[in-house]
Amino acid sequence: MSDIRKLHVVMDLDNCISDDARRIALIDWDERDPDRRYKLYHEGAQFDAPRNKDVYHGAAIDLRAELIIITARPERHRLMTMEWLNEHFSFLPWLLLMRPEGDHRSSIELKPRLLVSLAPAGVTPNSVITCYDDHEGVVNAYKAAGYPAVVLKIHDVDAYNRPKAVLK
């Protein structure tokens, strides 16, 4: 029996393969509770246009890697997210990891910990070809944990910080 090592590619969802630019206006920056702040933003994700399909398909087809999507979207949006992926991409990822309900850690803390938790399943820095994320802080956190990572984003609109007031 041959020992064939599985390879993995990790991808973010929003602003990586799902164009969330129009939804950023739905973020309620005055709301202190993160679940309520991003409620409309997350609920509108089903209408996003897909982007970077070549990267998504290239990872699974050309590289024959198992795709892992790690998103900060809360778990309660799993069904809608899987339906969106099924509609816009020709195959679903091997695994979709989402923010656990009630977990309000930053993406920089959350995503690398979710990835590291997959080590018992054989997902290690040696099996990961690359991690794609739109947030440079997340990319740096992946690298600090030993994973290869690069920034991949659709736009430069910021969904992490309140926009600066426009001066008149």
Foldseek 3Di string as FASTA:
>chain_A
DDDDAAAEEEEEPDQFFWDLVVLLVVADVVDPDPCVRCVSSLVPRLPTDTPPLVVVCCCCPVVVHAYEYEYAAEPVCVVSVQVSCVVHHVDDGPYYHYRYPPDDDDLLPPVLVVQVVCVVVPRDQVRYPEYEAQDVSNCVSNVVRPHHYDYGGDDDDDSPDDDDDDDD
